[in-house]
Amino acid sequence: MNQRLMRQSVTRVLRVLKVAELLGFGSCVQSCLDYLEAVPWVGEEEEEKVISSILRLKTEGVSVVTTPVLKRVASSSVDPPKETLSRIIELVLRSKEKSRREMKSIVLKLLREQNGNNVAENFNETIYSSCQRCLDMVLSLFRQDESDAKQIGVEAVNLTWLLDVLAERQAAKEFSVTWGNQTELALLHEKLPLVSRYHISRVTSRLFVGLRRGDLLPSKDTRLLLLTTWLQPLFKDYNWLQRGCRMFDGKLVEEGIGRTILTLPLEDQQRILMSWLGSFLNGGDGCPNLQRAFEVWWRRSFVRPYSDRQGSGVSQTDSTSKE
């Protein structure tokens, strides 16, 4: 029977399997299963047909061995091991440049399909562990007397990709907290040559773009911490980012910074925007253009301050009650 199935399509063998099952032809059913275990399945649709047919046999209690076929798609463990996920991520991060770019795109695409899967929590922990290793590497490179610009660039790109992954999984909030707390890294930043340090400002830029899009919604304290820690380093690198980074979108970054500032209390808005104003007047095109945010803050503070309207409302209420 096995010889007769040679060179048959999977679809045809599935039809033979169904007929053999109805007739109670056990040896034919087993031959079909042996064939399905050995032959490649082409495409997801064909795979789904095979699996549904095998599961139906198991459900109906047909006395044949179906396990070898199912082993192709089902592991004995409930969830993919955390160690395997970690190994995949580390292999991607430490591979050669061309391969690294290609595999990052593939892994990110697969993870989009996997969103909502029950492996999410394990995977997020794995990503955060990889982020911490990259951060430790960057900090170590920044502490060296002679910085390795190429390696800093690799680690910054890796961090940006990991942030993309977390944003896709709606799990980037903790990354923003971690990045905002990198005080030592921010202090070391200005001591390094521009050609080495600007890579790190790309990570900051990606965070602000994420804030603009709503990819992450950190607390007020975290938003303020991000701006306090990283805005000045970003100002110093901004001109280089605009001219030297092909994928850098200054408009998105500026909108992200401005919108983030405007989510803070008015006193914090004033302090940050006054600091920006000094940098902008001295740096011109070399500084982010936050004029829209400045105009909103100005109107909030001077044109139609909420405190005045609130007081006016209270006065009107009092006078009405007296009448």
C-alpha atoms as a PDB file:
ATOM      1  CA  MET A   1       0.000   0.000   0.000  1.00  0.00           C
ATOM      2  CA  ASN A   2       2.874   2.372   0.797  1.00  0.00           C
ATOM      3  CA  GLN A   3       4.167   2.029  -2.771  1.00  0.00           C
ATOM      4  CA  ARG A   4       0.770   3.023  -4.194  1.00  0.00           C
ATOM      5  CA  LEU A   5       0.816   6.257  -2.177  1.00  0.00           C
ATOM      6  CA  MET A   6       4.164   7.355  -3.588  1.00  0.00           C
ATOM      7  CA  ARG A   7       4.017  10.619  -5.553  1.00  0.00           C
ATOM      8  CA  GLN A   8       0.428  11.258  -4.501  1.00  0.00           C
ATOM      9  CA  SER A   9      -0.554  14.685  -3.233  1.00  0.00           C
ATOM     10  CA  VAL A  10      -1.280  15.263   0.446  1.00  0.00           C
ATOM     11  CA  THR A  11      -4.854  16.241  -0.457  1.00  0.00           C
ATOM     12  CA  ARG A  12      -5.421  12.953  -2.286  1.00  0.00           C
ATOM     13  CA  VAL A  13      -3.955  10.892   0.571  1.00  0.00           C
ATOM     14  CA  LEU A  14      -6.247  12.678   3.035  1.00  0.00           C
ATOM     15  CA  ARG A  15      -9.215  11.637   0.896  1.00  0.00           C
ATOM     16  CA  VAL A  16      -7.946   8.017   0.836  1.00  0.00           C
ATOM     17  CA  LEU A  17      -7.505   8.215   4.623  1.00  0.00           C
ATOM     18  CA  LYS A  18     -11.109   9.294   5.106  1.00  0.00           C
ATOM     19  CA  VAL A  19     -12.477   6.490   2.903  1.00  0.00           C
ATOM     20  CA  ALA A  20     -10.230   3.888   4.576  1.00  0.00           C
ATOM     21  CA  GLU A  21     -11.476   5.013   7.967  1.00  0.00           C
ATOM     22  CA  LEU A  22     -15.118   4.694   6.893  1.00  0.00           C
ATOM     23  CA  LEU A  23     -14.465   1.192   5.555  1.00  0.00           C
ATOM     24  CA  GLY A  24     -12.533   0.175   8.669  1.00  0.00           C
ATOM     25  CA  PHE A  25      -9.439  -0.619   6.552  1.00  0.00           C
ATOM     26  CA  GLY A  26      -6.896  -0.287   9.382  1.00  0.00           C
ATOM     27  CA  SER A  27      -3.725  -1.139   7.451  1.00  0.00           C
ATOM     28  CA  CYS A  28      -4.591   1.454   4.779  1.00  0.00           C
ATOM     29  CA  VAL A  29      -5.228   4.086   7.451  1.00  0.00           C
ATOM     30  CA  GLN A  30      -1.814   3.345   8.975  1.00  0.00           C
ATOM     31  CA  SER A  31      -0.128   3.528   5.553  1.00  0.00           C
ATOM     32  CA  CYS A  32      -1.703   6.954   4.983  1.00  0.00           C
ATOM     33  CA  LEU A  33      -0.429   8.106   8.383  1.00  0.00           C
ATOM     34  CA  ASP A  34       3.073   6.834   7.611  1.00  0.00           C
ATOM     35  CA  TYR A  35       2.986   8.755   4.347  1.00  0.00           C
ATOM     36  CA  LEU A  36       1.776  11.947   6.046  1.00  0.00           C
ATOM     37  CA  GLU A  37       4.545  11.642   8.652  1.00  0.00           C
ATOM     38  CA  ALA A  38       7.232  11.429   5.952  1.00  0.00           C
ATOM     39  CA  VAL A  39       6.083  13.878   3.283  1.00  0.00           C
ATOM     40  CA  PRO A  40       6.566  17.681   3.525  1.00  0.00           C
ATOM     41  CA  TRP A  41       3.378  19.716   4.032  1.00  0.00           C
ATOM     42  CA  VAL A  42       3.178  22.761   1.785  1.00  0.00           C
ATOM     43  CA  GLY A  43       1.728  25.878   3.393  1.00  0.00           C
ATOM     44  CA  GLU A  44      -0.333  26.512   6.505  1.00  0.00           C
ATOM     45  CA  GLU A  45      -3.601  25.502   4.862  1.00  0.00           C
ATOM     46  CA  GLU A  46      -2.339  22.022   4.018  1.00  0.00           C
ATOM     47  CA  GLU A  47      -0.877  21.655   7.506  1.00  0.00           C
ATOM     48  CA  GLU A  48      -4.222  22.577   9.060  1.00  0.00           C
ATOM     49  CA  LYS A  49      -6.000  19.947   6.930  1.00  0.00           C
ATOM     50  CA  VAL A  50      -3.556  17.232   7.994  1.00  0.00           C
ATOM     51  CA  ILE A  51      -3.736  18.097  11.688  1.00  0.00           C
ATOM     52  CA  SER A  52      -7.540  18.318  11.736  1.00  0.00           C
ATOM     53  CA  SER A  53      -7.776  14.906  10.030  1.00  0.00           C
ATOM     54  CA  ILE A  54      -5.389  13.296  12.541  1.00  0.00           C
ATOM     55  CA  LEU A  55      -7.150  14.866  15.520  1.00  0.00           C
ATOM     56  CA  ARG A  56     -10.485  13.592  14.209  1.00  0.00           C
ATOM     57  CA  LEU A  57      -9.043  10.059  14.116  1.00  0.00           C
ATOM     58  CA  LYS A  58      -7.906  10.407  17.727  1.00  0.00           C
ATOM     59  CA  THR A  59     -11.284  11.770  18.791  1.00  0.00           C
ATOM     60  CA  GLU A  60     -13.145   8.884  17.155  1.00  0.00           C
ATOM     61  CA  GLY A  61     -10.838   6.345  18.816  1.00  0.00           C
ATOM     62  CA  VAL A  62      -9.444   4.749  15.652  1.00  0.00           C
ATOM     63  CA  SER A  63      -6.828   2.188  16.776  1.00  0.00           C
ATOM     64  CA  VAL A  64      -3.802   3.454  14.836  1.00  0.00           C
ATOM     65  CA  VAL A  65      -0.589   5.203  15.872  1.00  0.00           C
ATOM     66  CA  THR A  66      -1.042   8.965  15.187  1.00  0.00           C
ATOM     67  CA  THR A  67       1.673  10.324  17.523  1.00  0.00           C
ATOM     68  CA  PRO A  68       4.570  10.422  14.987  1.00  0.00           C
ATOM     69  CA  VAL A  69       2.570  12.753  12.724  1.00  0.00           C
ATOM     70  CA  LEU A  70       1.557  15.070  15.566  1.00  0.00           C
ATOM     71  CA  LYS A  71       5.129  15.308  16.884  1.00  0.00           C
ATOM     72  CA  ARG A  72       5.885  17.530  13.901  1.00  0.00           C
ATOM     73  CA  VAL A  73       3.686  20.291  15.346  1.00  0.00           C
ATOM     74  CA  ALA A  74       3.423  19.566  19.081  1.00  0.00           C
ATOM     75  CA  SER A  75       6.119  19.446  21.732  1.00  0.00           C
ATOM     76  CA  SER A  76       5.855  17.304  24.854  1.00  0.00           C
ATOM     77  CA  SER A  77       6.314  20.461  26.953  1.00  0.00           C
ATOM     78  CA  VAL A  78       3.322  22.795  27.376  1.00  0.00           C
ATOM     79  CA  ASP A  79       5.230  26.016  26.595  1.00  0.00           C
ATOM     80  CA  PRO A  80       8.420  26.593  24.618  1.00  0.00           C
ATOM     81  CA  PRO A  81      11.226  26.604  27.208  1.00  0.00           C
ATOM     82  CA  LYS A  82      12.319  30.027  28.409  1.00  0.00           C
ATOM     83  CA  GLU A  83      15.932  29.020  27.785  1.00  0.00           C
ATOM     84  CA  THR A  84      15.196  28.371  24.107  1.00  0.00           C
ATOM     85  CA  LEU A  85      13.620  31.800  23.675  1.00  0.00           C
ATOM     86  CA  SER A  86      16.596  33.414  25.360  1.00  0.00           C
ATOM     87  CA  ARG A  87      19.002  31.481  23.144  1.00  0.00           C
ATOM     88  CA  ILE A  88      17.187  32.589  19.966  1.00  0.00           C
ATOM     89  CA  ILE A  89      17.302  36.257  20.998  1.00  0.00           C
ATOM     90  CA  GLU A  90      20.980  36.133  21.924  1.00  0.00           C
ATOM     91  CA  LEU A  91      21.881  34.403  18.645  1.00  0.00           C
ATOM     92  CA  VAL A  92      20.067  37.128  16.718  1.00  0.00           C
ATOM     93  CA  LEU A  93      21.713  39.929  18.701  1.00  0.00           C
ATOM     94  CA  ARG A  94      25.243  38.517  18.376  1.00  0.00           C
ATOM     95  CA  SER A  95      25.163  37.452  14.717  1.00  0.00           C
ATOM     96  CA  LYS A  96      26.892  39.193  11.806  1.00  0.00           C
ATOM     97  CA  GLU A  97      25.389  42.432  10.560  1.00  0.00           C
ATOM     98  CA  LYS A  98      23.537  41.288   7.415  1.00  0.00           C
ATOM     99  CA  SER A  99      22.214  38.125   9.036  1.00  0.00           C
ATOM    100  CA  ARG A 100      21.283  40.084  12.144  1.00  0.00           C
ATOM    101  CA  ARG A 101      19.142  42.546  10.171  1.00  0.00           C
ATOM    102  CA  GLU A 102      17.345  39.788   8.295  1.00  0.00           C
ATOM    103  CA  MET A 103      16.617  37.668  11.358  1.00  0.00           C
ATOM    104  CA  LYS A 104      15.433  40.661  13.395  1.00  0.00           C
ATOM    105  CA  SER A 105      12.798  41.341  10.733  1.00  0.00           C
ATOM    106  CA  ILE A 106      11.721  37.697  10.677  1.00  0.00           C
ATOM    107  CA  VAL A 107      11.561  37.339  14.473  1.00  0.00           C
ATOM    108  CA  LEU A 108       9.621  40.599  14.842  1.00  0.00           C
ATOM    109  CA  LYS A 109       7.114  39.454  12.198  1.00  0.00           C
ATOM    110  CA  LEU A 110       6.637  36.104  13.955  1.00  0.00           C
ATOM    111  CA  LEU A 111       6.171  37.802  17.295  1.00  0.00           C
ATOM    112  CA  ARG A 112       3.417  39.997  15.867  1.00  0.00           C
ATOM    113  CA  GLU A 113       1.572  36.802  14.953  1.00  0.00           C
ATOM    114  CA  GLN A 114       2.183  35.415  18.441  1.00  0.00           C
ATOM    115  CA  ASN A 115       0.748  38.378  20.401  1.00  0.00           C
ATOM    116  CA  GLY A 116      -1.712  37.230  23.040  1.00  0.00           C
ATOM    117  CA  ASN A 117      -0.167  33.748  23.202  1.00  0.00           C
ATOM    118  CA  ASN A 118       0.230  32.183  26.645  1.00  0.00           C
ATOM    119  CA  VAL A 119       4.036  32.323  26.317  1.00  0.00           C
ATOM    120  CA  ALA A 120       3.943  36.146  26.500  1.00  0.00           C
ATOM    121  CA  GLU A 121       4.992  36.556  30.124  1.00  0.00           C
ATOM    122  CA  ASN A 122       8.025  34.279  29.772  1.00  0.00           C
ATOM    123  CA  PHE A 123       9.026  36.012  26.581  1.00  0.00           C
ATOM    124  CA  ASN A 124       8.794  39.508  28.060  1.00  0.00           C
ATOM    125  CA  GLU A 125      11.069  38.457  30.908  1.00  0.00           C
ATOM    126  CA  THR A 126      13.544  37.098  28.374  1.00  0.00           C
ATOM    127  CA  ILE A 127      13.501  40.358  26.401  1.00  0.00           C
ATOM    128  CA  TYR A 128      14.107  42.421  29.529  1.00  0.00           C
ATOM    129  CA  SER A 129      17.041  40.187  30.446  1.00  0.00           C
ATOM    130  CA  SER A 130      18.509  40.800  26.988  1.00  0.00           C
ATOM    131  CA  CYS A 131      17.937  44.560  27.399  1.00  0.00           C
ATOM    132  CA  GLN A 132      19.836  44.522  30.677  1.00  0.00           C
ATOM    133  CA  ARG A 133      22.768  42.664  29.100  1.00  0.00           C
ATOM    134  CA  CYS A 134      22.911  45.232  26.281  1.00  0.00           C
ATOM    135  CA  LEU A 135      22.770  48.088  28.793  1.00  0.00           C
ATOM    136  CA  ASP A 136      25.547  46.552  30.866  1.00  0.00           C
ATOM    137  CA  MET A 137      27.652  46.246  27.717  1.00  0.00           C
ATOM    138  CA  VAL A 138      27.017  49.885  26.727  1.00  0.00           C
ATOM    139  CA  LEU A 139      27.886  51.129  30.207  1.00  0.00           C
ATOM    140  CA  SER A 140      31.084  49.095  30.175  1.00  0.00           C
ATOM    141  CA  LEU A 141      32.023  50.555  26.768  1.00  0.00           C
ATOM    142  CA  PHE A 142      31.280  54.100  27.963  1.00  0.00           C
ATOM    143  CA  ARG A 143      33.546  53.624  30.990  1.00  0.00           C
ATOM    144  CA  GLN A 144      36.542  52.719  28.835  1.00  0.00           C
ATOM    145  CA  ASP A 145      39.199  55.337  28.059  1.00  0.00           C
ATOM    146  CA  GLU A 146      38.917  54.658  24.319  1.00  0.00           C
ATOM    147  CA  SER A 147      35.343  53.983  23.307  1.00  0.00           C
ATOM    148  CA  ASP A 148      34.518  51.412  20.642  1.00  0.00           C
ATOM    149  CA  ALA A 149      32.124  53.382  18.424  1.00  0.00           C
ATOM    150  CA  LYS A 150      31.242  50.375  16.259  1.00  0.00           C
ATOM    151  CA  GLN A 151      30.332  48.143  19.196  1.00  0.00           C
ATOM    152  CA  ILE A 152      28.360  50.930  20.884  1.00  0.00           C
ATOM    153  CA  GLY A 153      26.420  51.261  17.625  1.00  0.00           C
ATOM    154  CA  VAL A 154      25.678  47.531  17.568  1.00  0.00           C
ATOM    155  CA  GLU A 155      24.402  47.555  21.155  1.00  0.00           C
ATOM    156  CA  ALA A 156      22.283  50.667  20.533  1.00  0.00           C
ATOM    157  CA  VAL A 157      20.683  49.073  17.457  1.00  0.00           C
ATOM    158  CA  ASN A 158      20.026  45.925  19.505  1.00  0.00           C
ATOM    159  CA  LEU A 159      18.397  47.977  22.259  1.00  0.00           C
ATOM    160  CA  THR A 160      16.217  49.769  19.717  1.00  0.00           C
ATOM    161  CA  TRP A 161      15.121  46.462  18.238  1.00  0.00           C
ATOM    162  CA  LEU A 162      14.333  45.023  21.672  1.00  0.00           C
ATOM    163  CA  LEU A 163      12.294  48.149  22.379  1.00  0.00           C
ATOM    164  CA  ASP A 164      10.423  47.588  19.099  1.00  0.00           C
ATOM    165  CA  VAL A 165       9.652  44.027  20.193  1.00  0.00           C
ATOM    166  CA  LEU A 166       8.398  45.163  23.598  1.00  0.00           C
ATOM    167  CA  ALA A 167       6.318  47.923  22.025  1.00  0.00           C
ATOM    168  CA  GLU A 168       4.684  45.380  19.688  1.00  0.00           C
ATOM    169  CA  ARG A 169       3.808  43.321  22.759  1.00  0.00           C
ATOM    170  CA  GLN A 170       2.571  46.395  24.682  1.00  0.00           C
ATOM    171  CA  ALA A 171       5.204  45.679  27.311  1.00  0.00           C
ATOM    172  CA  ALA A 172       7.642  48.597  26.915  1.00  0.00           C
ATOM    173  CA  LYS A 173       6.644  50.477  30.057  1.00  0.00           C
ATOM    174  CA  GLU A 174       9.363  48.895  32.192  1.00  0.00           C
ATOM    175  CA  PHE A 175      11.971  49.721  29.546  1.00  0.00           C
ATOM    176  CA  SER A 176      11.121  53.423  29.868  1.00  0.00           C
ATOM    177  CA  VAL A 177      11.664  53.203  33.641  1.00  0.00           C
ATOM    178  CA  THR A 178      15.004  51.451  33.162  1.00  0.00           C
ATOM    179  CA  TRP A 179      16.164  53.950  30.539  1.00  0.00           C
ATOM    180  CA  GLY A 180      15.135  56.937  32.625  1.00  0.00           C
ATOM    181  CA  ASN A 181      17.234  55.624  35.511  1.00  0.00           C
ATOM    182  CA  GLN A 182      20.464  55.412  33.474  1.00  0.00           C
ATOM    183  CA  THR A 183      21.963  58.429  35.253  1.00  0.00           C
ATOM    184  CA  GLU A 184      25.570  57.256  35.016  1.00  0.00           C
ATOM    185  CA  LEU A 185      25.230  56.538  31.308  1.00  0.00           C
ATOM    186  CA  ALA A 186      23.824  60.025  30.725  1.00  0.00           C
ATOM    187  CA  LEU A 187      26.684  61.633  32.698  1.00  0.00           C
ATOM    188  CA  LEU A 188      29.306  59.656  30.773  1.00  0.00           C
ATOM    189  CA  HIS A 189      27.571  60.546  27.503  1.00  0.00           C
ATOM    190  CA  GLU A 190      28.993  64.075  27.222  1.00  0.00           C
ATOM    191  CA  LYS A 191      32.537  62.837  27.863  1.00  0.00           C
ATOM    192  CA  LEU A 192      32.567  60.638  24.770  1.00  0.00           C
ATOM    193  CA  PRO A 193      33.219  61.756  21.190  1.00  0.00           C
ATOM    194  CA  LEU A 194      30.059  62.562  19.257  1.00  0.00           C
ATOM    195  CA  VAL A 195      30.733  59.786  16.755  1.00  0.00           C
ATOM    196  CA  SER A 196      30.539  57.223  19.586  1.00  0.00           C
ATOM    197  CA  ARG A 197      27.790  58.565  21.783  1.00  0.00           C
ATOM    198  CA  TYR A 198      25.114  59.594  19.253  1.00  0.00           C
ATOM    199  CA  HIS A 199      24.051  55.960  18.868  1.00  0.00           C
ATOM    200  CA  ILE A 200      22.588  56.070  22.368  1.00  0.00           C
ATOM    201  CA  SER A 201      20.499  59.122  21.501  1.00  0.00           C
ATOM    202  CA  ARG A 202      18.823  56.962  18.846  1.00  0.00           C
ATOM    203  CA  VAL A 203      17.411  54.815  21.661  1.00  0.00           C
ATOM    204  CA  THR A 204      16.102  57.952  23.397  1.00  0.00           C
ATOM    205  CA  SER A 205      14.591  59.133  20.104  1.00  0.00           C
ATOM    206  CA  ARG A 206      12.822  55.802  19.614  1.00  0.00           C
ATOM    207  CA  LEU A 207      11.331  56.094  23.094  1.00  0.00           C
ATOM    208  CA  PHE A 208       9.892  59.522  22.360  1.00  0.00           C
ATOM    209  CA  VAL A 209       8.442  58.269  19.071  1.00  0.00           C
ATOM    210  CA  GLY A 210       6.863  55.421  21.042  1.00  0.00           C
ATOM    211  CA  LEU A 211       5.393  57.903  23.512  1.00  0.00           C
ATOM    212  CA  ARG A 212       3.945  59.885  20.611  1.00  0.00           C
ATOM    213  CA  ARG A 213       2.318  56.775  19.137  1.00  0.00           C
ATOM    214  CA  GLY A 214       1.013  55.523  22.463  1.00  0.00           C
ATOM    215  CA  ASP A 215       3.196  52.392  22.294  1.00  0.00           C
ATOM    216  CA  LEU A 216       3.947  52.905  25.984  1.00  0.00           C
ATOM    217  CA  LEU A 217       2.191  54.890  28.702  1.00  0.00           C
ATOM    218  CA  PRO A 218       4.620  55.388  31.594  1.00  0.00           C
ATOM    219  CA  SER A 219       3.718  57.245  34.782  1.00  0.00           C
ATOM    220  CA  LYS A 220       4.167  61.004  35.183  1.00  0.00           C
ATOM    221  CA  ASP A 221       7.297  60.435  37.288  1.00  0.00           C
ATOM    222  CA  THR A 222       8.822  58.218  34.595  1.00  0.00           C
ATOM    223  CA  ARG A 223       8.019  60.708  31.811  1.00  0.00           C
ATOM    224  CA  LEU A 224       9.646  63.482  33.843  1.00  0.00           C
ATOM    225  CA  LEU A 225      12.646  61.251  34.589  1.00  0.00           C
ATOM    226  CA  LEU A 226      13.131  60.469  30.889  1.00  0.00           C
ATOM    227  CA  LEU A 227      13.108  64.150  29.989  1.00  0.00           C
ATOM    228  CA  THR A 228      15.343  65.159  32.898  1.00  0.00           C
ATOM    229  CA  THR A 229      17.917  62.444  32.236  1.00  0.00           C
ATOM    230  CA  TRP A 230      18.050  62.310  28.454  1.00  0.00           C
ATOM    231  CA  LEU A 231      16.781  65.515  26.892  1.00  0.00           C
ATOM    232  CA  GLN A 232      20.043  67.488  27.180  1.00  0.00           C
ATOM    233  CA  PRO A 233      22.159  64.606  25.774  1.00  0.00           C
ATOM    234  CA  LEU A 234      19.673  64.386  22.900  1.00  0.00           C
ATOM    235  CA  PHE A 235      19.970  68.144  22.257  1.00  0.00           C
ATOM    236  CA  LYS A 236      23.757  67.813  21.984  1.00  0.00           C
ATOM    237  CA  ASP A 237      23.537  64.964  19.457  1.00  0.00           C
ATOM    238  CA  TYR A 238      20.533  66.186  17.499  1.00  0.00           C
ATOM    239  CA  ASN A 239      22.371  67.848  14.639  1.00  0.00           C
ATOM    240  CA  TRP A 240      24.419  64.700  14.045  1.00  0.00           C
ATOM    241  CA  LEU A 241      21.304  62.511  14.204  1.00  0.00           C
ATOM    242  CA  GLN A 242      19.622  64.651  11.550  1.00  0.00           C
ATOM    243  CA  ARG A 243      22.578  64.598   9.207  1.00  0.00           C
ATOM    244  CA  GLY A 244      24.153  61.219   9.894  1.00  0.00           C
ATOM    245  CA  CYS A 245      21.236  58.803  10.450  1.00  0.00           C
ATOM    246  CA  ARG A 246      19.422  57.725   7.324  1.00  0.00           C
ATOM    247  CA  MET A 247      16.359  56.365   9.165  1.00  0.00           C
ATOM    248  CA  PHE A 248      16.049  59.257  11.626  1.00  0.00           C
ATOM    249  CA  ASP A 249      12.699  61.088  11.420  1.00  0.00           C
ATOM    250  CA  GLY A 250      13.166  64.414  13.187  1.00  0.00           C
ATOM    251  CA  LYS A 251       9.493  65.427  12.873  1.00  0.00           C
ATOM    252  CA  LEU A 252       8.286  62.337  14.719  1.00  0.00           C
ATOM    253  CA  VAL A 253      10.918  62.751  17.430  1.00  0.00           C
ATOM    254  CA  GLU A 254      10.081  66.444  17.924  1.00  0.00           C
ATOM    255  CA  GLU A 255       6.359  65.696  18.142  1.00  0.00           C
ATOM    256  CA  GLY A 256       7.073  62.923  20.646  1.00  0.00           C
ATOM    257  CA  ILE A 257       9.206  65.181  22.854  1.00  0.00           C
ATOM    258  CA  GLY A 258       6.713  68.045  22.680  1.00  0.00           C
ATOM    259  CA  ARG A 259       3.683  65.909  23.459  1.00  0.00           C
ATOM    260  CA  THR A 260       5.503  64.242  26.347  1.00  0.00           C
ATOM    261  CA  ILE A 261       6.436  67.614  27.855  1.00  0.00           C
ATOM    262  CA  LEU A 262       2.833  68.794  27.605  1.00  0.00           C
ATOM    263  CA  THR A 263       1.597  65.798  29.643  1.00  0.00           C
ATOM    264  CA  LEU A 264       3.504  67.087  32.694  1.00  0.00           C
ATOM    265  CA  PRO A 265       2.365  69.610  35.324  1.00  0.00           C
ATOM    266  CA  LEU A 266       2.611  73.207  34.123  1.00  0.00           C
ATOM    267  CA  GLU A 267       5.607  74.014  36.354  1.00  0.00           C
ATOM    268  CA  ASP A 268       7.597  71.131  34.826  1.00  0.00           C
ATOM    269  CA  GLN A 269       6.553  72.207  31.330  1.00  0.00           C
ATOM    270  CA  GLN A 270       7.908  75.690  32.023  1.00  0.00           C
ATOM    271  CA  ARG A 271      11.217  74.469  33.417  1.00  0.00           C
ATOM    272  CA  ILE A 272      11.901  72.075  30.531  1.00  0.00           C
ATOM    273  CA  LEU A 273      10.762  74.437  27.779  1.00  0.00           C
ATOM    274  CA  MET A 274      12.780  77.341  29.181  1.00  0.00           C
ATOM    275  CA  SER A 275      15.834  75.072  29.126  1.00  0.00           C
ATOM    276  CA  TRP A 276      14.987  74.097  25.542  1.00  0.00           C
ATOM    277  CA  LEU A 277      14.563  77.749  24.562  1.00  0.00           C
ATOM    278  CA  GLY A 278      18.131  78.548  25.603  1.00  0.00           C
ATOM    279  CA  SER A 279      19.486  75.584  23.640  1.00  0.00           C
ATOM    280  CA  PHE A 280      17.340  76.362  20.598  1.00  0.00           C
ATOM    281  CA  LEU A 281      18.337  80.042  20.458  1.00  0.00           C
ATOM    282  CA  ASN A 282      22.008  79.075  20.638  1.00  0.00           C
ATOM    283  CA  GLY A 283      21.848  75.971  18.460  1.00  0.00           C
ATOM    284  CA  GLY A 284      19.213  76.812  15.857  1.00  0.00           C
ATOM    285  CA  ASP A 285      18.751  73.929  13.414  1.00  0.00           C
ATOM    286  CA  GLY A 286      21.007  71.766  15.573  1.00  0.00           C
ATOM    287  CA  CYS A 287      18.316  71.552  18.273  1.00  0.00           C
ATOM    288  CA  PRO A 288      14.858  69.927  18.168  1.00  0.00           C
ATOM    289  CA  ASN A 289      12.134  72.329  17.126  1.00  0.00           C
ATOM    290  CA  LEU A 290       9.631  72.333  19.996  1.00  0.00           C
ATOM    291  CA  GLN A 291       7.881  75.548  19.018  1.00  0.00           C
ATOM    292  CA  ARG A 292       4.425  73.939  18.948  1.00  0.00           C
ATOM    293  CA  ALA A 293       4.835  72.683  22.503  1.00  0.00           C
ATOM    294  CA  PHE A 294       6.171  76.100  23.517  1.00  0.00           C
ATOM    295  CA  GLU A 295       3.093  77.811  22.040  1.00  0.00           C
ATOM    296  CA  VAL A 296       0.722  75.464  23.876  1.00  0.00           C
ATOM    297  CA  TRP A 297       2.550  76.060  27.158  1.00  0.00           C
ATOM    298  CA  TRP A 298       2.461  79.832  26.526  1.00  0.00           C
ATOM    299  CA  ARG A 299      -1.301  79.816  25.963  1.00  0.00           C
ATOM    300  CA  ARG A 300      -1.871  77.639  29.014  1.00  0.00           C
ATOM    301  CA  SER A 301       0.232  79.997  31.138  1.00  0.00           C
ATOM    302  CA  PHE A 302      -0.618  83.483  29.839  1.00  0.00           C
ATOM    303  CA  VAL A 303      -3.521  83.577  27.373  1.00  0.00           C
ATOM    304  CA  ARG A 304      -6.138  81.415  29.071  1.00  0.00           C
ATOM    305  CA  PRO A 305      -4.721  80.139  32.340  1.00  0.00           C
ATOM    306  CA  TYR A 306      -6.928  77.512  33.930  1.00  0.00           C
ATOM    307  CA  SER A 307      -6.438  79.045  37.401  1.00  0.00           C
ATOM    308  CA  ASP A 308      -8.037  82.320  36.233  1.00  0.00           C
ATOM    309  CA  ARG A 309     -10.988  80.539  34.686  1.00  0.00           C
ATOM    310  CA  GLN A 310     -11.352  78.387  37.790  1.00  0.00           C
ATOM    311  CA  GLY A 311     -11.370  81.513  39.964  1.00  0.00           C
ATOM    312  CA  SER A 312     -13.869  83.189  37.645  1.00  0.00           C
ATOM    313  CA  GLY A 313     -16.106  80.162  37.856  1.00  0.00           C
ATOM    314  CA  VAL A 314     -15.976  80.219  41.650  1.00  0.00           C
ATOM    315  CA  SER A 315     -16.857  83.946  41.711  1.00  0.00           C
ATOM    316  CA  GLN A 316     -19.800  83.401  39.380  1.00  0.00           C
ATOM    317  CA  THR A 317     -21.042  80.536  41.532  1.00  0.00           C
ATOM    318  CA  ASP A 318     -20.785  82.660  44.678  1.00  0.00           C
ATOM    319  CA  SER A 319     -22.652  85.588  43.126  1.00  0.00           C
ATOM    320  CA  THR A 320     -25.365  83.289  41.822  1.00  0.00           C
ATOM    321  CA  SER A 321     -25.837  81.710  45.236  1.00  0.00           C
ATOM    322  CA  LYS A 322     -26.119  85.143  46.854  1.00  0.00           C
ATOM    323  CA  GLU A 323     -28.857  86.098  44.412  1.00  0.00           C
END
